[in-house]
Amino acid sequence: MGRVLVLIGLGIAGIGLLIMLGIPFGRLPGDIVVRRGNFSFYFPLATSIVLSILLTLIFAWFRR
């Protein structure tokens, strides 16, 4: 359990470092943005796909 918590903490720290370096995490090409007047709609399609792939790989790695 301790290793899992350390790995999760390192993952969160890594994502924070990437955001600090200026990588647009959460605003990837392929995300849908609609702005009309006072209305704006944001659907993170590409971000959702990338996160799904990463989580699938991480859980598959832990399953072994």
N, C-alpha and C. Protein backbone atom coordinates (compact mmCIF):
# COMPACT_ATOMS: atom_id res chain seq x y z
N MET A 1 0.82 -1.19 0.00
CA MET A 1 0.00 0.00 0.00
C MET A 1 0.86 1.25 0.00
N GLY A 2 1.98 1.19 0.69
CA GLY A 2 2.88 2.34 0.75
C GLY A 2 3.45 2.70 -0.60
N ARG A 3 3.83 1.68 -1.37
CA ARG A 3 4.37 1.92 -2.71
C ARG A 3 3.35 2.59 -3.62
N VAL A 4 2.11 2.14 -3.52
CA VAL A 4 1.05 2.71 -4.36
C VAL A 4 0.87 4.19 -4.04
N LEU A 5 0.86 4.53 -2.76
CA LEU A 5 0.71 5.93 -2.37
C LEU A 5 1.89 6.78 -2.85
N VAL A 6 3.10 6.23 -2.76
CA VAL A 6 4.26 6.96 -3.25
C VAL A 6 4.18 7.16 -4.75
N LEU A 7 3.77 6.15 -5.50
CA LEU A 7 3.65 6.27 -6.96
C LEU A 7 2.56 7.27 -7.35
N ILE A 8 1.45 7.26 -6.63
CA ILE A 8 0.39 8.24 -6.91
C ILE A 8 0.90 9.65 -6.62
N GLY A 9 1.61 9.83 -5.53
CA GLY A 9 2.17 11.14 -5.20
C GLY A 9 3.17 11.61 -6.24
N LEU A 10 4.02 10.70 -6.72
CA LEU A 10 4.97 11.06 -7.77
C LEU A 10 4.26 11.41 -9.07
N GLY A 11 3.18 10.71 -9.36
CA GLY A 11 2.40 11.01 -10.57
C GLY A 11 1.78 12.40 -10.49
N ILE A 12 1.22 12.73 -9.34
CA ILE A 12 0.62 14.05 -9.16
C ILE A 12 1.69 15.13 -9.24
N ALA A 13 2.85 14.87 -8.63
CA ALA A 13 3.95 15.84 -8.70
C ALA A 13 4.44 16.00 -10.14
N GLY A 14 4.48 14.91 -10.89
CA GLY A 14 4.90 14.98 -12.29
C GLY A 14 3.93 15.80 -13.13
N ILE A 15 2.65 15.61 -12.92
CA ILE A 15 1.65 16.40 -13.65
C ILE A 15 1.78 17.87 -13.27
N GLY A 16 2.00 18.16 -12.00
CA GLY A 16 2.20 19.55 -11.57
C GLY A 16 3.42 20.17 -12.21
N LEU A 17 4.49 19.40 -12.34
CA LEU A 17 5.70 19.90 -12.98
C LEU A 17 5.46 20.20 -14.45
N LEU A 18 4.73 19.32 -15.14
CA LEU A 18 4.41 19.55 -16.54
C LEU A 18 3.57 20.81 -16.72
N ILE A 19 2.64 21.04 -15.83
CA ILE A 19 1.80 22.24 -15.91
C ILE A 19 2.66 23.49 -15.65
N MET A 20 3.58 23.40 -14.69
CA MET A 20 4.45 24.54 -14.41
C MET A 20 5.38 24.85 -15.59
N LEU A 21 5.76 23.85 -16.36
CA LEU A 21 6.63 24.05 -17.52
C LEU A 21 5.87 24.64 -18.70
N GLY A 22 4.55 24.69 -18.62
CA GLY A 22 3.77 25.33 -19.66
C GLY A 22 3.09 24.38 -20.62
N ILE A 23 3.12 23.09 -20.35
CA ILE A 23 2.42 22.14 -21.20
C ILE A 23 0.92 22.29 -20.95
N PRO A 24 0.13 22.50 -22.00
CA PRO A 24 -1.30 22.83 -21.82
C PRO A 24 -2.14 21.61 -21.47
N PHE A 25 -1.93 21.07 -20.28
CA PHE A 25 -2.68 19.91 -19.84
C PHE A 25 -4.12 20.32 -19.58
N GLY A 26 -5.06 19.72 -20.29
CA GLY A 26 -6.45 20.09 -20.15
C GLY A 26 -6.93 21.00 -21.25
N ARG A 27 -6.05 21.46 -22.10
CA ARG A 27 -6.41 22.31 -23.24
C ARG A 27 -5.72 21.79 -24.49
N LEU A 28 -5.93 20.53 -24.79
CA LEU A 28 -5.28 19.90 -25.92
C LEU A 28 -6.02 20.17 -27.22
N PRO A 29 -5.30 20.09 -28.35
CA PRO A 29 -6.01 20.16 -29.63
C PRO A 29 -6.98 18.99 -29.73
N GLY A 30 -8.18 19.23 -30.13
CA GLY A 30 -9.19 18.20 -30.16
C GLY A 30 -10.26 18.38 -29.09
N ASP A 31 -9.97 19.26 -28.13
CA ASP A 31 -11.00 19.61 -27.15
C ASP A 31 -12.00 20.55 -27.82
N ILE A 32 -13.26 20.37 -27.53
CA ILE A 32 -14.32 21.14 -28.19
C ILE A 32 -14.66 22.35 -27.35
N VAL A 33 -14.57 23.54 -27.96
CA VAL A 33 -14.91 24.79 -27.29
C VAL A 33 -15.89 25.55 -28.18
N VAL A 34 -17.05 25.92 -27.62
CA VAL A 34 -18.05 26.70 -28.34
C VAL A 34 -18.31 27.96 -27.52
N ARG A 35 -18.10 29.12 -28.15
CA ARG A 35 -18.36 30.41 -27.48
C ARG A 35 -19.32 31.20 -28.34
N ARG A 36 -20.46 31.57 -27.77
CA ARG A 36 -21.46 32.38 -28.47
C ARG A 36 -22.06 33.36 -27.49
N GLY A 37 -21.74 34.60 -27.66
CA GLY A 37 -22.29 35.62 -26.78
C GLY A 37 -21.89 35.39 -25.33
N ASN A 38 -22.88 35.28 -24.47
CA ASN A 38 -22.63 35.05 -23.04
C ASN A 38 -22.51 33.57 -22.69
N PHE A 39 -22.61 32.70 -23.67
CA PHE A 39 -22.60 31.25 -23.45
C PHE A 39 -21.28 30.67 -23.92
N SER A 40 -20.69 29.81 -23.11
CA SER A 40 -19.49 29.07 -23.54
C SER A 40 -19.63 27.62 -23.08
N PHE A 41 -19.22 26.71 -23.96
CA PHE A 41 -19.30 25.28 -23.68
C PHE A 41 -17.94 24.68 -23.96
N TYR A 42 -17.42 23.88 -23.03
CA TYR A 42 -16.12 23.25 -23.16
C TYR A 42 -16.27 21.76 -22.91
N PHE A 43 -15.86 20.95 -23.89
CA PHE A 43 -15.89 19.50 -23.72
C PHE A 43 -14.49 18.97 -24.01
N PRO A 44 -13.77 18.45 -23.00
CA PRO A 44 -12.38 18.02 -23.17
C PRO A 44 -12.27 16.63 -23.79
N LEU A 45 -12.58 16.51 -25.06
CA LEU A 45 -12.58 15.21 -25.74
C LEU A 45 -11.19 14.61 -25.82
N ALA A 46 -10.22 15.34 -26.33
CA ALA A 46 -8.86 14.81 -26.47
C ALA A 46 -8.23 14.54 -25.10
N THR A 47 -8.47 15.42 -24.15
CA THR A 47 -7.95 15.22 -22.80
C THR A 47 -8.53 13.96 -22.17
N SER A 48 -9.81 13.71 -22.40
CA SER A 48 -10.45 12.51 -21.86
C SER A 48 -9.86 11.25 -22.46
N ILE A 49 -9.59 11.29 -23.75
CA ILE A 49 -9.02 10.11 -24.42
C ILE A 49 -7.61 9.84 -23.90
N VAL A 50 -6.80 10.89 -23.77
CA VAL A 50 -5.43 10.72 -23.27
C VAL A 50 -5.45 10.18 -21.84
N LEU A 51 -6.29 10.74 -20.98
CA LEU A 51 -6.38 10.26 -19.60
C LEU A 51 -6.87 8.81 -19.53
N SER A 52 -7.80 8.44 -20.40
CA SER A 52 -8.30 7.08 -20.43
C SER A 52 -7.19 6.10 -20.80
N ILE A 53 -6.41 6.45 -21.80
CA ILE A 53 -5.31 5.57 -22.22
C ILE A 53 -4.28 5.45 -21.11
N LEU A 54 -3.91 6.57 -20.49
CA LEU A 54 -2.93 6.53 -19.41
C LEU A 54 -3.42 5.71 -18.22
N LEU A 55 -4.67 5.91 -17.81
CA LEU A 55 -5.20 5.15 -16.68
C LEU A 55 -5.31 3.66 -17.00
N THR A 56 -5.66 3.33 -18.23
CA THR A 56 -5.72 1.93 -18.65
C THR A 56 -4.35 1.28 -18.55
N LEU A 57 -3.31 1.98 -19.00
CA LEU A 57 -1.95 1.43 -18.92
C LEU A 57 -1.49 1.30 -17.48
N ILE A 58 -1.81 2.29 -16.65
CA ILE A 58 -1.39 2.23 -15.24
C ILE A 58 -2.08 1.06 -14.53
N PHE A 59 -3.39 0.91 -14.72
CA PHE A 59 -4.10 -0.18 -14.04
C PHE A 59 -3.68 -1.54 -14.57
N ALA A 60 -3.36 -1.63 -15.85
CA ALA A 60 -2.87 -2.90 -16.40
C ALA A 60 -1.51 -3.24 -15.80
N TRP A 61 -0.70 -2.22 -15.57
CA TRP A 61 0.63 -2.44 -14.98
C TRP A 61 0.50 -2.90 -13.52
N PHE A 62 -0.46 -2.31 -12.77
CA PHE A 62 -0.67 -2.71 -11.38
C PHE A 62 -1.28 -4.10 -11.26
N ARG A 63 -2.02 -4.53 -12.29
CA ARG A 63 -2.67 -5.83 -12.24
C ARG A 63 -1.67 -6.97 -12.29
N ARG A 64 -0.49 -6.71 -12.83
CA ARG A 64 0.52 -7.79 -12.94
C ARG A 64 1.17 -8.08 -11.65
